[in-house]
Each structure stands twice: as C-alpha cells, then as structure tokens.
Amino acid sequence: MGLEAVRAAFNQSYRLGEKHAARVLLLHMAFTVTDRTQGDRPAMTYFAGWQTAAGGLGYVLDELDDEERAKAAQAAVKRALRALEAAGLITRMRRSSPGKTAEWKLTLDPIDTNSRQRPRSERGGRRPSGTRDEDRPNSDEDRPVHGTVTVLNSGRSPSPLSEGPELPAMTTTHLDAHARKSSRVLLGGGS
C-alpha cells in the first residue's frame, strides 16, 4: 500500500466533484499501488485488472455470476476510469490485451496535496499585534501548568508543579458503578 498515494488521493479527490464511484475507485487504486518502484514496476502504477477494480467498487463477482452482472461491473469500472482520466488523476500506461491487464499511472502530485489552501498572506493570517517570537515559550518547561494531575487511587499530586486543592482520585469502583448505571440507562432499565 502506498501511504503517500492514499494521502494524495484523499486530498485531491475533490477534483471529481459528485462522481462517487470514481472517488471510490481512486481510493481503491491508491490503496493498491506502492509509493516506490519495485522491480520493473514503476511507483504509483495500478495493474490489478478490471475484476479487482470492480471489487473495489463493491461488485462481488464469482464464477457463477451471469454475464449481465459481469458486463454491468465492467461498464461501471470503465465509467469511473474515464472520470478519473478526465480529472487528470490517472493516465493509461498500457492497454489490456489477452493475458495482460491494463496499467494505469496515478498522477497524484504529493506536493500539491494542499493546493486548495491559500497562502497565509492571502488569508489575512497575521500574528496579533505586539507579539514577537521572543514572547513565545521555547519549550514545555517555559509553559504554565494548568489544572491538577492526580495519581489514580492515591489522591495526591505526583509533582510539586501544580498548586491548589487536591482532588479525590477516581477509582475503578467509581468506573464500574458508572458503567453499570450507563448500561441500565441505555438498556431501558432506569437510572
């Protein structure tokens, strides 16, 4: 599976508009391809065949299926592939021939994955006035501690970092009672 291909497919599937089958097929193809070249197979190349693509679209074909069902599945795959080609998300590398499946190259540009987001300068995203990089903490040690952390079942604070009253710890008894109460409410047994 190509993790970069899957991420790029999710990020660029907006280019398909309302074509749900094409989007599903694109994601199926992205899950099938690899990000790196393996042997003589280039990266981002889909070569599994139309039957596997039909399975990715939700068609379950077996040897007992009638010819009409197989033709419908093949037509759905062709429509989705045409939509992907028209959107510029795949290109055909090789046509199918007897004994060989077609090969498709996913043309998902991983650099273009955030193409819909405008640059900060166009969004008007600026720092609040009066702040400088020196005003920001450099590490977690410089950040203020908020809240009180307690060790389970002890009721005491694990470090002198937190000030304030100590809170009672929630024990497993509390959790079990809460779970029983929640299940009675969910199952209609009262409160």
C-alpha atoms as a PDB file:
ATOM      1  CA  MET A   1       0.000   0.000   0.000  1.00  0.00           C
ATOM      2  CA  GLY A   2       1.247   3.452  -0.837  1.00  0.00           C
ATOM      3  CA  LEU A   3       0.666   5.722   2.140  1.00  0.00           C
ATOM      4  CA  GLU A   4       1.629   8.795   0.120  1.00  0.00           C
ATOM      5  CA  ALA A   5      -0.711   7.687  -2.669  1.00  0.00           C
ATOM      6  CA  VAL A   6      -3.616   7.268  -0.253  1.00  0.00           C
ATOM      7  CA  ARG A   7      -3.000  10.664   1.339  1.00  0.00           C
ATOM      8  CA  ALA A   8      -2.716  12.363  -2.051  1.00  0.00           C
ATOM      9  CA  ALA A   9      -5.869  10.577  -3.294  1.00  0.00           C
ATOM     10  CA  PHE A  10      -7.878  11.797  -0.307  1.00  0.00           C
ATOM     11  CA  ASN A  11      -6.545  15.325  -0.711  1.00  0.00           C
ATOM     12  CA  GLN A  12      -7.170  15.518  -4.452  1.00  0.00           C
ATOM     13  CA  SER A  13     -10.451  13.628  -4.727  1.00  0.00           C
ATOM     14  CA  TYR A  14     -12.302  16.960  -4.603  1.00  0.00           C
ATOM     15  CA  ARG A  15     -11.420  17.268  -8.312  1.00  0.00           C
ATOM     16  CA  LEU A  16     -14.002  14.551  -9.050  1.00  0.00           C
ATOM     17  CA  GLY A  17     -16.983  16.593  -7.864  1.00  0.00           C
ATOM     18  CA  GLU A  18     -20.079  14.431  -7.456  1.00  0.00           C
ATOM     19  CA  LYS A  19     -18.633  11.301  -9.078  1.00  0.00           C
ATOM     20  CA  HIS A  20     -18.768   8.939  -6.100  1.00  0.00           C
ATOM     21  CA  ALA A  21     -17.815   5.729  -7.957  1.00  0.00           C
ATOM     22  CA  ALA A  22     -14.737   7.404  -9.427  1.00  0.00           C
ATOM     23  CA  ARG A  23     -13.695   8.614  -5.961  1.00  0.00           C
ATOM     24  CA  VAL A  24     -14.100   5.119  -4.505  1.00  0.00           C
ATOM     25  CA  LEU A  25     -12.096   3.612  -7.380  1.00  0.00           C
ATOM     26  CA  LEU A  26      -9.350   6.220  -6.954  1.00  0.00           C
ATOM     27  CA  LEU A  27      -9.031   5.337  -3.264  1.00  0.00           C
ATOM     28  CA  HIS A  28      -9.037   1.611  -4.082  1.00  0.00           C
ATOM     29  CA  MET A  29      -6.267   2.168  -6.627  1.00  0.00           C
ATOM     30  CA  ALA A  30      -4.277   4.270  -4.154  1.00  0.00           C
ATOM     31  CA  PHE A  31      -4.529   1.512  -1.532  1.00  0.00           C
ATOM     32  CA  THR A  32      -3.258  -0.997  -4.109  1.00  0.00           C
ATOM     33  CA  VAL A  33      -0.244   0.839  -5.589  1.00  0.00           C
ATOM     34  CA  THR A  34       3.153   1.333  -3.957  1.00  0.00           C
ATOM     35  CA  ASP A  35       4.960   4.624  -3.389  1.00  0.00           C
ATOM     36  CA  ARG A  36       8.312   3.292  -4.577  1.00  0.00           C
ATOM     37  CA  THR A  37       9.476   1.444  -7.661  1.00  0.00           C
ATOM     38  CA  GLN A  38       9.537  -2.312  -7.079  1.00  0.00           C
ATOM     39  CA  GLY A  39      11.494  -4.343  -9.601  1.00  0.00           C
ATOM     40  CA  ASP A  40      10.396  -3.366 -13.099  1.00  0.00           C
ATOM     41  CA  ARG A  41       7.139  -1.836 -11.833  1.00  0.00           C
ATOM     42  CA  PRO A  42       7.222   1.980 -11.525  1.00  0.00           C
ATOM     43  CA  ALA A  43       5.813   3.660  -8.432  1.00  0.00           C
ATOM     44  CA  MET A  44       2.104   4.615  -8.351  1.00  0.00           C
ATOM     45  CA  THR A  45       1.183   2.055 -11.047  1.00  0.00           C
ATOM     46  CA  TYR A  46      -2.118   0.146 -10.838  1.00  0.00           C
ATOM     47  CA  PHE A  47      -2.157  -3.150 -12.720  1.00  0.00           C
ATOM     48  CA  ALA A  48      -4.692  -5.317 -10.874  1.00  0.00           C
ATOM     49  CA  GLY A  49      -7.292  -5.568 -13.666  1.00  0.00           C
ATOM     50  CA  TRP A  50     -10.946  -4.640 -14.015  1.00  0.00           C
ATOM     51  CA  GLN A  51     -12.242  -7.520 -11.843  1.00  0.00           C
ATOM     52  CA  THR A  52     -10.254  -6.250  -8.856  1.00  0.00           C
ATOM     53  CA  ALA A  53     -11.354  -2.698  -9.622  1.00  0.00           C
ATOM     54  CA  ALA A  54     -14.978  -3.904  -9.717  1.00  0.00           C
ATOM     55  CA  GLY A  55     -14.433  -5.453  -6.291  1.00  0.00           C
ATOM     56  CA  GLY A  56     -13.145  -2.077  -5.105  1.00  0.00           C
ATOM     57  CA  LEU A  57     -16.406  -0.544  -6.317  1.00  0.00           C
ATOM     58  CA  GLY A  58     -18.409  -3.110  -4.354  1.00  0.00           C
ATOM     59  CA  TYR A  59     -19.233  -5.626  -7.087  1.00  0.00           C
ATOM     60  CA  VAL A  60     -18.843  -9.204  -5.894  1.00  0.00           C
ATOM     61  CA  LEU A  61     -18.170 -11.390  -8.912  1.00  0.00           C
ATOM     62  CA  ASP A  62     -17.651 -15.121  -8.834  1.00  0.00           C
ATOM     63  CA  GLU A  63     -17.652 -17.840 -11.456  1.00  0.00           C
ATOM     64  CA  LEU A  64     -21.384 -18.477 -11.027  1.00  0.00           C
ATOM     65  CA  ASP A  65     -22.446 -14.894 -11.832  1.00  0.00           C
ATOM     66  CA  ASP A  66     -24.283 -14.319 -15.037  1.00  0.00           C
ATOM     67  CA  GLU A  67     -22.813 -12.446 -17.957  1.00  0.00           C
ATOM     68  CA  GLU A  68     -25.081  -9.420 -17.483  1.00  0.00           C
ATOM     69  CA  ARG A  69     -23.768  -8.774 -13.985  1.00  0.00           C
ATOM     70  CA  ALA A  70     -20.160  -9.005 -15.170  1.00  0.00           C
ATOM     71  CA  LYS A  71     -20.893  -6.598 -18.047  1.00  0.00           C
ATOM     72  CA  ALA A  72     -22.525  -4.132 -15.643  1.00  0.00           C
ATOM     73  CA  ALA A  73     -19.498  -4.276 -13.347  1.00  0.00           C
ATOM     74  CA  GLN A  74     -17.106  -3.804 -16.264  1.00  0.00           C
ATOM     75  CA  ALA A  75     -19.147  -0.823 -17.526  1.00  0.00           C
ATOM     76  CA  ALA A  76     -19.084   0.776 -14.059  1.00  0.00           C
ATOM     77  CA  VAL A  77     -15.296   0.393 -13.916  1.00  0.00           C
ATOM     78  CA  LYS A  78     -14.942   1.932 -17.398  1.00  0.00           C
ATOM     79  CA  ARG A  79     -17.115   4.927 -16.423  1.00  0.00           C
ATOM     80  CA  ALA A  80     -15.107   5.512 -13.252  1.00  0.00           C
ATOM     81  CA  LEU A  81     -11.794   5.187 -15.123  1.00  0.00           C
ATOM     82  CA  ARG A  82     -12.983   7.707 -17.746  1.00  0.00           C
ATOM     83  CA  ALA A  83     -13.923  10.166 -14.983  1.00  0.00           C
ATOM     84  CA  LEU A  84     -10.506   9.715 -13.326  1.00  0.00           C
ATOM     85  CA  GLU A  85      -8.764  10.266 -16.654  1.00  0.00           C
ATOM     86  CA  ALA A  86     -10.840  13.369 -17.386  1.00  0.00           C
ATOM     87  CA  ALA A  87      -9.945  14.795 -13.964  1.00  0.00           C
ATOM     88  CA  GLY A  88      -6.248  14.179 -14.677  1.00  0.00           C
ATOM     89  CA  LEU A  89      -5.813  11.831 -11.711  1.00  0.00           C
ATOM     90  CA  ILE A  90      -4.711   8.784 -13.763  1.00  0.00           C
ATOM     91  CA  THR A  91      -3.112   8.133 -17.155  1.00  0.00           C
ATOM     92  CA  ARG A  92      -3.117   4.878 -19.092  1.00  0.00           C
ATOM     93  CA  MET A  93       0.333   3.333 -19.457  1.00  0.00           C
ATOM     94  CA  ARG A  94      -0.729   0.151 -21.295  1.00  0.00           C
ATOM     95  CA  ARG A  95      -3.976  -1.138 -22.772  1.00  0.00           C
ATOM     96  CA  SER A  96      -5.183  -4.581 -21.844  1.00  0.00           C
ATOM     97  CA  SER A  97      -4.579  -7.454 -24.219  1.00  0.00           C
ATOM     98  CA  PRO A  98      -5.213 -11.194 -23.983  1.00  0.00           C
ATOM     99  CA  GLY A  99      -3.304 -12.402 -20.933  1.00  0.00           C
ATOM    100  CA  LYS A 100      -2.291  -8.885 -19.785  1.00  0.00           C
ATOM    101  CA  THR A 101      -4.140  -6.326 -17.733  1.00  0.00           C
ATOM    102  CA  ALA A 102      -4.138  -2.616 -18.427  1.00  0.00           C
ATOM    103  CA  GLU A 103      -1.764  -0.466 -16.400  1.00  0.00           C
ATOM    104  CA  TRP A 104      -2.668   2.931 -15.014  1.00  0.00           C
ATOM    105  CA  LYS A 105      -0.347   5.541 -13.519  1.00  0.00           C
ATOM    106  CA  LEU A 106      -1.799   7.560 -10.660  1.00  0.00           C
ATOM    107  CA  THR A 107      -0.817  11.152 -11.368  1.00  0.00           C
ATOM    108  CA  LEU A 108      -1.356  12.380  -7.842  1.00  0.00           C
ATOM    109  CA  ASP A 109       1.166  15.079  -7.089  1.00  0.00           C
ATOM    110  CA  PRO A 110       2.099  14.685  -3.405  1.00  0.00           C
ATOM    111  CA  ILE A 111       3.486  18.209  -3.381  1.00  0.00           C
ATOM    112  CA  ASP A 112       0.098  19.548  -4.486  1.00  0.00           C
ATOM    113  CA  THR A 113      -1.809  17.938  -1.609  1.00  0.00           C
ATOM    114  CA  ASN A 114      -2.650  21.304  -0.021  1.00  0.00           C
ATOM    115  CA  SER A 115      -3.394  23.153  -3.248  1.00  0.00           C
ATOM    116  CA  ARG A 116      -6.835  24.241  -2.036  1.00  0.00           C
ATOM    117  CA  GLN A 117      -5.465  26.093   0.972  1.00  0.00           C
ATOM    118  CA  ARG A 118      -4.484  29.677   0.269  1.00  0.00           C
ATOM    119  CA  PRO A 119      -1.151  31.028   1.473  1.00  0.00           C
ATOM    120  CA  ARG A 120      -1.136  32.784   4.842  1.00  0.00           C
ATOM    121  CA  SER A 121      -0.604  36.185   3.197  1.00  0.00           C
ATOM    122  CA  GLU A 122      -3.827  35.765   1.170  1.00  0.00           C
ATOM    123  CA  ARG A 123      -5.864  34.557   4.181  1.00  0.00           C
ATOM    124  CA  GLY A 124      -5.005  37.633   6.213  1.00  0.00           C
ATOM    125  CA  GLY A 125      -3.418  35.354   8.817  1.00  0.00           C
ATOM    126  CA  ARG A 126      -1.026  37.510  10.794  1.00  0.00           C
ATOM    127  CA  ARG A 127       0.288  37.427  14.307  1.00  0.00           C
ATOM    128  CA  PRO A 128      -1.641  39.512  16.791  1.00  0.00           C
ATOM    129  CA  SER A 129      -0.087  42.941  17.054  1.00  0.00           C
ATOM    130  CA  GLY A 130       2.501  43.337  19.757  1.00  0.00           C
ATOM    131  CA  THR A 131       3.750  39.732  19.734  1.00  0.00           C
ATOM    132  CA  ARG A 132       7.243  38.663  18.798  1.00  0.00           C
ATOM    133  CA  ASP A 133       8.977  35.313  18.597  1.00  0.00           C
ATOM    134  CA  GLU A 134      10.744  36.163  21.878  1.00  0.00           C
ATOM    135  CA  ASP A 135       7.336  36.324  23.609  1.00  0.00           C
ATOM    136  CA  ARG A 136       6.620  32.682  22.844  1.00  0.00           C
ATOM    137  CA  PRO A 137       7.833  29.867  25.111  1.00  0.00           C
ATOM    138  CA  ASN A 138      10.714  27.826  23.713  1.00  0.00           C
ATOM    139  CA  SER A 139       9.841  24.561  25.418  1.00  0.00           C
ATOM    140  CA  ASP A 140       7.218  22.906  27.569  1.00  0.00           C
ATOM    141  CA  GLU A 141       9.228  23.825  30.675  1.00  0.00           C
ATOM    142  CA  ASP A 142       8.524  27.507  29.994  1.00  0.00           C
ATOM    143  CA  ARG A 143       4.779  26.982  29.564  1.00  0.00           C
ATOM    144  CA  PRO A 144       2.447  27.485  32.528  1.00  0.00           C
ATOM    145  CA  VAL A 145       0.907  24.354  34.098  1.00  0.00           C
ATOM    146  CA  HIS A 146      -2.895  24.337  34.109  1.00  0.00           C
ATOM    147  CA  GLY A 147      -5.063  22.059  36.201  1.00  0.00           C
ATOM    148  CA  THR A 148      -4.161  19.442  38.760  1.00  0.00           C
ATOM    149  CA  VAL A 149      -2.896  15.985  37.872  1.00  0.00           C
ATOM    150  CA  THR A 150      -3.546  13.298  40.445  1.00  0.00           C
ATOM    151  CA  VAL A 151      -2.256   9.761  40.667  1.00  0.00           C
ATOM    152  CA  LEU A 152      -5.076   7.240  40.439  1.00  0.00           C
ATOM    153  CA  ASN A 153      -6.218   5.778  43.789  1.00  0.00           C
ATOM    154  CA  SER A 154      -3.835   7.931  45.820  1.00  0.00           C
ATOM    155  CA  GLY A 155      -5.459  11.353  45.759  1.00  0.00           C
ATOM    156  CA  ARG A 156      -2.060  13.059  45.829  1.00  0.00           C
ATOM    157  CA  SER A 157      -0.281  15.191  43.297  1.00  0.00           C
ATOM    158  CA  PRO A 158       2.630  13.459  41.521  1.00  0.00           C
ATOM    159  CA  SER A 159       4.793  16.584  41.382  1.00  0.00           C
ATOM    160  CA  PRO A 160       5.120  19.948  43.087  1.00  0.00           C
ATOM    161  CA  LEU A 161       4.287  21.679  39.769  1.00  0.00           C
ATOM    162  CA  SER A 162       0.584  22.067  40.494  1.00  0.00           C
ATOM    163  CA  GLU A 163      -0.765  24.343  43.168  1.00  0.00           C
ATOM    164  CA  GLY A 164      -4.224  24.243  44.636  1.00  0.00           C
ATOM    165  CA  PRO A 165      -6.544  21.796  46.357  1.00  0.00           C
ATOM    166  CA  GLU A 166      -6.038  18.114  45.826  1.00  0.00           C
ATOM    167  CA  LEU A 167      -8.894  16.344  44.083  1.00  0.00           C
ATOM    168  CA  PRO A 168     -10.161  12.891  45.008  1.00  0.00           C
ATOM    169  CA  ALA A 169      -8.980  10.286  42.535  1.00  0.00           C
ATOM    170  CA  MET A 170     -11.481   8.236  40.556  1.00  0.00           C
ATOM    171  CA  THR A 171     -11.091   4.582  41.426  1.00  0.00           C
ATOM    172  CA  THR A 172     -12.068   1.502  39.482  1.00  0.00           C
ATOM    173  CA  THR A 173     -15.056   1.171  41.828  1.00  0.00           C
ATOM    174  CA  HIS A 174     -16.305   4.547  40.598  1.00  0.00           C
ATOM    175  CA  LEU A 175     -15.764   3.485  37.000  1.00  0.00           C
ATOM    176  CA  ASP A 176     -17.601   0.161  37.460  1.00  0.00           C
ATOM    177  CA  ALA A 177     -20.571   1.900  39.100  1.00  0.00           C
ATOM    178  CA  HIS A 178     -20.678   4.447  36.299  1.00  0.00           C
ATOM    179  CA  ALA A 179     -20.577   1.713  33.654  1.00  0.00           C
ATOM    180  CA  ARG A 180     -23.428  -0.202  35.353  1.00  0.00           C
ATOM    181  CA  LYS A 181     -25.543   2.947  35.570  1.00  0.00           C
ATOM    182  CA  SER A 182     -24.867   3.801  31.914  1.00  0.00           C
ATOM    183  CA  SER A 183     -25.784   0.307  30.738  1.00  0.00           C
ATOM    184  CA  ARG A 184     -29.079   0.375  32.689  1.00  0.00           C
ATOM    185  CA  VAL A 185     -29.990   3.705  31.114  1.00  0.00           C
ATOM    186  CA  LEU A 186     -29.039   2.513  27.619  1.00  0.00           C
ATOM    187  CA  LEU A 187     -30.919  -0.767  28.002  1.00  0.00           C
ATOM    188  CA  GLY A 188     -34.007   0.918  29.429  1.00  0.00           C
ATOM    189  CA  GLY A 189     -33.596  -0.354  32.974  1.00  0.00           C
ATOM    190  CA  GLY A 190     -33.977   3.057  34.624  1.00  0.00           C
ATOM    191  CA  SER A 191     -31.372   5.227  36.274  1.00  0.00           C
END
